[in-house]
Structure formats: structure tokens, C-alpha cells
Protein backbone atom coordinates (compact mmCIF):
# COMPACT_ATOMS: atom_id res chain seq x y z
CA UNK A 1 91.65 -122.52 32.09
CA UNK A 2 95.13 -121.79 30.83
CA UNK A 3 97.89 -123.63 32.61
CA UNK A 4 100.85 -121.76 34.01
CA UNK A 5 104.32 -123.17 33.37
CA UNK A 6 107.40 -122.38 35.42
CA UNK A 7 111.02 -123.24 34.87
CA UNK A 8 113.68 -122.68 37.55
CA UNK A 9 117.13 -123.90 38.44
CA UNK A 10 116.93 -127.56 39.35
CA UNK A 11 119.43 -127.31 42.21
CA UNK A 12 117.18 -124.91 44.08
CA UNK A 13 113.79 -126.27 43.09
CA UNK A 14 114.30 -130.03 42.93
CA UNK A 15 112.47 -130.49 46.25
CA UNK A 16 109.44 -128.49 45.19
CA UNK A 17 106.30 -130.37 44.22
CA UNK A 18 102.87 -129.06 43.26
CA UNK A 19 99.92 -131.21 44.25
CA UNK A 20 97.03 -128.98 43.30
CA UNK A 21 96.23 -125.96 41.20
CA UNK A 22 96.71 -125.22 37.49
CA UNK A 23 100.49 -125.48 37.62
CA UNK A 24 103.01 -127.29 35.43
CA UNK A 25 106.48 -127.67 36.94
CA UNK A 26 109.65 -128.47 35.02
CA UNK A 27 113.26 -129.06 36.08
CA UNK A 28 115.86 -127.16 34.06
CA UNK A 29 119.63 -127.09 33.83
CA UNK A 30 119.74 -123.31 34.17
CA UNK A 31 117.49 -120.51 35.33
CA UNK A 32 116.79 -119.72 31.68
CA UNK A 33 113.17 -118.86 31.23
CA UNK A 34 109.77 -118.43 32.82
CA UNK A 35 106.82 -119.43 30.67
CA UNK A 36 103.41 -117.86 31.09
CA UNK A 37 100.64 -118.96 28.71
CA UNK A 38 103.27 -119.97 26.18
CA UNK A 39 105.24 -116.72 26.30
CA UNK A 40 108.88 -116.42 27.35
CA UNK A 41 109.08 -113.81 30.12
CA UNK A 42 112.73 -114.28 31.06
CA UNK A 43 113.49 -110.64 30.27
CA UNK A 44 110.48 -109.35 32.22
CA UNK A 45 110.91 -111.03 35.61
CA UNK A 46 111.21 -107.62 37.23
CA UNK A 47 107.60 -106.94 36.24
CA UNK A 48 106.20 -109.80 38.33
CA UNK A 49 104.22 -108.22 41.15
CA UNK A 50 102.59 -111.10 43.02
CA UNK A 51 103.28 -114.78 43.77
CA UNK A 52 100.70 -116.88 45.62
CA UNK A 53 101.56 -120.57 46.03
CA UNK A 54 99.77 -121.04 49.35
CA UNK A 55 98.08 -124.27 50.41
CA UNK A 56 100.18 -126.63 48.29
CA UNK A 57 102.63 -129.25 49.54
CA UNK A 58 105.83 -127.45 48.60
CA UNK A 59 108.94 -128.81 50.31
CA UNK A 60 112.55 -127.74 50.64
CA UNK A 61 113.97 -124.24 51.12
CA UNK A 62 112.60 -121.02 49.70
CA UNK A 63 114.47 -120.65 46.37
CA UNK A 64 116.88 -117.75 46.28
CA UNK A 65 115.87 -116.99 42.69
CA UNK A 66 112.68 -115.48 44.08
CA UNK A 67 114.84 -112.81 45.71
CA UNK A 68 115.80 -111.59 42.23
CA UNK A 69 112.21 -110.47 41.58
CA UNK A 70 112.91 -106.96 42.83
CA UNK A 71 109.53 -105.65 41.68
CA UNK A 72 107.60 -108.16 43.80
CA UNK A 73 104.85 -106.61 45.94
CA UNK A 74 103.20 -109.71 47.40
CA UNK A 75 104.70 -113.11 48.28
CA UNK A 76 102.46 -115.77 49.82
CA UNK A 77 103.98 -119.21 50.45
CA UNK A 78 101.88 -120.03 53.51
CA UNK A 79 100.49 -123.44 54.49
CA UNK A 80 103.18 -125.55 52.83
CA UNK A 81 106.04 -127.76 54.05
CA UNK A 82 108.97 -125.39 53.45
CA UNK A 83 112.07 -125.98 55.57
CA UNK A 84 115.49 -124.49 56.42
CA UNK A 85 116.28 -120.85 56.99
CA UNK A 86 114.78 -117.71 55.52
CA UNK A 87 117.56 -116.39 53.30
CA UNK A 88 119.16 -113.08 54.25
CA UNK A 89 118.69 -112.01 50.64
CA UNK A 90 115.02 -111.40 51.35
CA UNK A 91 116.01 -107.85 52.25
CA UNK A 92 116.56 -107.23 48.52
CA UNK A 93 112.79 -107.24 47.95
CA UNK A 94 112.48 -103.54 48.77
CA UNK A 95 109.07 -103.20 47.07
CA UNK A 96 107.49 -106.01 49.09
CA UNK A 97 104.31 -105.04 50.93
CA UNK A 98 102.89 -108.48 51.76
CA UNK A 99 104.97 -111.39 53.10
CA UNK A 100 103.18 -114.51 54.33
CA UNK A 101 105.35 -117.52 55.20
CA UNK A 102 103.09 -118.84 57.95
CA UNK A 103 102.36 -122.51 58.68
CA UNK A 104 105.54 -124.01 57.27
CA UNK A 105 108.54 -125.69 58.90
CA UNK A 106 111.05 -122.87 58.51
CA UNK A 107 113.84 -122.85 61.10
CA UNK A 108 116.69 -120.65 62.27
CA UNK A 109 116.54 -116.97 63.00
CA UNK A 110 114.59 -114.23 61.28
CA UNK A 111 117.17 -112.42 59.10
CA UNK A 112 117.81 -108.84 60.20
CA UNK A 113 117.72 -107.80 56.54
CA UNK A 114 113.93 -108.06 56.67
CA UNK A 115 114.00 -104.76 58.55
CA UNK A 116 115.26 -103.11 55.34
CA UNK A 117 111.88 -103.62 53.65
CA UNK A 118 110.34 -100.29 54.58
CA UNK A 119 107.27 -100.85 52.38
CA UNK A 120 106.18 -103.98 54.29
CA UNK A 121 102.70 -103.54 55.78
CA UNK A 122 101.65 -107.18 56.28
CA UNK A 123 103.88 -109.85 57.80
CA UNK A 124 102.98 -113.36 58.95
CA UNK A 125 105.72 -115.75 60.07
CA UNK A 126 103.54 -117.62 62.55
CA UNK A 127 103.52 -121.38 63.15
CA UNK A 128 107.04 -122.27 62.04
CA UNK A 129 110.17 -123.41 63.92
CA UNK A 130 111.89 -120.02 63.97
CA UNK A 131 114.18 -119.17 66.87
CA UNK A 132 116.22 -116.34 68.35
CA UNK A 133 115.50 -112.66 68.77
CA UNK A 134 113.03 -110.85 66.56
CA UNK A 135 114.83 -108.13 64.55
CA UNK A 136 113.92 -104.53 65.28
CA UNK A 137 113.20 -101.70 62.90
CA UNK A 138 110.71 -98.87 62.31
CA UNK A 139 108.49 -101.02 60.10
CA UNK A 140 108.81 -104.25 62.08
CA UNK A 141 107.73 -102.48 65.27
CA UNK A 142 104.28 -101.92 63.74
CA UNK A 143 103.43 -105.65 63.73
CA UNK A 144 101.81 -107.33 66.71
CA UNK A 145 102.52 -110.70 68.29
CA UNK A 146 100.22 -112.62 65.92
CA UNK A 147 102.81 -112.18 63.16
CA UNK A 148 105.26 -114.36 65.14
CA UNK A 149 103.13 -116.64 67.34
CA UNK A 150 103.53 -120.40 67.11
CA UNK A 151 107.35 -120.18 67.19
CA UNK A 152 108.20 -121.29 70.77
CA UNK A 153 111.89 -120.40 70.46
CA UNK A 154 111.37 -116.82 69.29
CA UNK A 155 111.80 -114.01 71.79
CA UNK A 156 111.70 -110.24 71.98
CA UNK A 157 109.17 -107.56 71.13
CA UNK A 158 106.28 -107.88 70.40
CA UNK A 159 106.17 -111.36 71.98
CA UNK A 160 105.78 -111.55 75.77
CA UNK A 161 108.81 -113.87 75.96
CA UNK A 162 111.96 -111.89 76.74
CA UNK A 163 115.35 -112.83 75.35
CA UNK A 164 118.20 -113.76 77.74
CA UNK A 165 119.83 -110.59 79.07
CA UNK A 166 117.18 -108.35 77.55
CA UNK A 167 116.88 -105.14 79.56
CA UNK A 168 115.80 -102.52 77.04
CA UNK A 169 112.22 -101.54 76.48
CA UNK A 170 110.44 -102.44 73.29
CA UNK A 171 110.67 -100.04 70.34
CA UNK A 172 107.12 -98.84 70.85
CA UNK A 173 107.95 -97.77 74.43
CA UNK A 174 111.27 -96.19 73.44
CA UNK A 175 109.55 -94.06 70.89
CA UNK A 176 106.54 -93.40 73.11
CA UNK A 177 107.35 -89.74 73.72
CA UNK A 178 107.72 -88.93 70.06
CA UNK A 179 104.67 -90.98 69.16
CA UNK A 180 102.56 -89.25 71.80
CA UNK A 181 103.59 -85.79 70.62
CA UNK A 182 102.80 -86.75 67.03
CA UNK A 183 99.43 -88.11 68.10
CA UNK A 184 98.62 -84.92 70.00
CA UNK A 185 99.52 -82.86 66.94
CA UNK A 186 97.31 -85.00 64.75
CA UNK A 187 94.40 -84.80 67.18
CA UNK A 188 94.49 -81.03 67.05
CA UNK A 189 95.19 -80.68 63.35
CA UNK A 190 93.03 -83.27 61.62
CA UNK A 191 89.50 -81.88 61.50
CA UNK A 192 86.61 -82.38 59.04
CA UNK A 193 87.78 -79.23 57.24
CA UNK A 194 91.20 -80.80 56.81
CA UNK A 195 89.73 -83.80 54.99
CA UNK A 196 87.62 -81.53 52.77
CA UNK A 197 90.70 -79.51 51.84
CA UNK A 198 92.67 -82.65 51.03
CA UNK A 199 89.84 -83.99 48.87
CA UNK A 200 89.46 -80.72 46.96
CA UNK A 201 93.21 -80.46 46.46
CA UNK A 202 93.37 -83.99 45.13
CA UNK A 203 90.49 -83.46 42.69
CA UNK A 204 91.89 -80.16 41.37
CA UNK A 205 95.40 -81.57 41.06
CA UNK A 206 94.16 -84.73 39.35
CA UNK A 207 92.08 -82.80 36.84
CA UNK A 208 95.00 -80.47 36.13
CA UNK A 209 97.40 -83.32 35.47
CA UNK A 210 94.85 -85.35 33.51
CA UNK A 211 93.82 -82.42 31.33
CA UNK A 212 97.41 -81.50 30.58
CA UNK A 213 98.33 -85.10 29.79
CA UNK A 214 95.69 -85.20 27.06
CA UNK A 215 97.50 -82.36 25.27
CA UNK A 216 101.03 -83.70 25.69
CA UNK A 217 101.84 -87.17 24.37
CA UNK A 218 104.84 -87.85 26.61
CA UNK A 219 102.91 -86.66 29.66
CA UNK A 220 100.01 -88.86 28.63
CA UNK A 221 102.21 -91.96 28.68
CA UNK A 222 103.62 -90.93 32.07
CA UNK A 223 100.12 -90.38 33.40
CA UNK A 224 98.86 -93.81 32.38
CA UNK A 225 102.04 -95.40 33.75
CA UNK A 226 101.26 -93.66 37.05
CA UNK A 227 97.72 -95.07 36.99
CA UNK A 228 99.14 -98.54 36.37
CA UNK A 229 101.37 -98.20 39.45
CA UNK A 230 98.36 -97.07 41.49
CA UNK A 231 96.54 -100.21 40.35
CA UNK A 232 99.44 -102.36 41.60
CA UNK A 233 99.27 -100.63 44.97
CA UNK A 234 95.51 -101.19 45.18
CA UNK A 235 95.99 -104.86 44.33
CA UNK A 236 98.51 -105.19 47.17
CA UNK A 237 96.08 -103.46 49.55
CA UNK A 238 93.36 -105.96 48.65
CA UNK A 239 95.77 -108.85 49.33
CA UNK A 240 96.68 -107.36 52.73
CA UNK A 241 93.05 -106.92 53.77
CA UNK A 242 92.08 -110.41 52.64
CA UNK A 243 95.01 -111.92 54.55
CA UNK A 244 94.03 -110.02 57.70
CA UNK A 245 90.41 -111.15 57.41
CA UNK A 246 91.55 -114.74 56.95
CA UNK A 247 93.74 -114.58 60.03
CA UNK A 248 90.95 -112.99 62.11
CA UNK A 249 88.59 -115.72 60.97
CA UNK A 250 91.07 -118.43 61.99
CA UNK A 251 91.48 -116.94 65.46
């Protein structure tokens, strides 16, 4: 098995230690390079899609350099010994779909910038030492209490614990009228014929684009780039489903 080598800024990573897994860790004077199977990927950090360092004994804060990986889709640092606050810069990861920081020793509040990640469809911050009110936002309102449980000092929706002076209803209730009307529309509109029409439209459109791309070189490159992006999305979906199954198994 090839070993993976990482090099990060010593000031941020000096507390990190790897106790298992095929990882080599080096301290560096500057955030200069990232080695993968002997290749320097310092100019391609934006292409990194997934980081999974779960179930190690990592200590210290979450390094801010990770927040520079703007193309990141999945970040799993669960079941470690990470401490301190979640940096507000996490909101810069606008492509993030999976965020699992559960079972660490993170403290402080949940940064409101996390609500800026509109692509997020799996969140697990459970079993930490987080405190304060849970931020609100269209995407955050879709997560249930299991994403935040095990943090006794957290309050607000979707947890049953109310924050001091809290009088407003939770986001799901506030938007109940709109949600109900949307649901009624969907119930009357989505029929078996609707799914058949969508499937036929997809097949015809796909064949049209694929056939044309074979005749046009520039379109062909665009087409295969599109397929590569679809693959990244599918990979993220697999990670989400596996994380959900793991959490259901634990409960």
C-alpha cells in the first residue's frame, strides 16, 4: 500500500498526531507543499474533494489551512480529540456536502457562517462541548436533533432545550404554511406519468448531448468534465448514506 504524506504549517499542526493508518506526517516551516504518492500537489489543492481522518487520536484545533480547500465536498474528522472552537472560516467551504466533527472535544459556539454552506446535506456535531444557540438557516433547518445531541450547553431548534428569552417558533414552524402549500402542490402534480416524462426527457437530452459531443472536440471535453463532476457528486452521496447508516447503527 502506498503511503500518503502530508506537509502543513507547523504552527497550526504541531499538536496533530497520527496513531494509525497509512499516514506520514511532517512538520514544515511553511505551508509549502502537499505530497501524494511522491507528487507535489501544492498547485492543485483546490481539486481535493474528500478528507477522512476519522478514528485517529488527532489533538489540537482544526487547522485553518483546511478552510482553503474550497473544492472540498466531504470533511470527516470524527472520533478524535480535537479541541477549541470551530473556526468561522468554515463558511468558506461553499461546496461542502458532508461535515462530520462528532465525538471530539470542540468547544464554544457553532459559527453562524456554517449557515452559508447551502450545499450541506449531512451534518454531525454531536458529542462535543459546544455551547450557545444553534444558528438558523434554510439548510440548517433540515437537520434533526441527532446532529447536535451530546452537547449539554447547546440550545435552540431542533433541540428541545430552549435558549434564554427564546419566544419565536422554530424555522420549520415559521415556514409551515409555505411548506404545506408546496407539499400539496407536489402531491397533486407528481404522478407516475410525471416520473416517466422526466425519465424520457433525461434519456433524450443525454443522448442528444452525448451524440453532439462526439462530433465536436471542445464539447466532448466539456461533456467528460461534466461526467467527472457527476462522479464527485455520487461519491459524496455514498459518503452521506454510509455516515447515516453508521449513526443509525450506533443508536
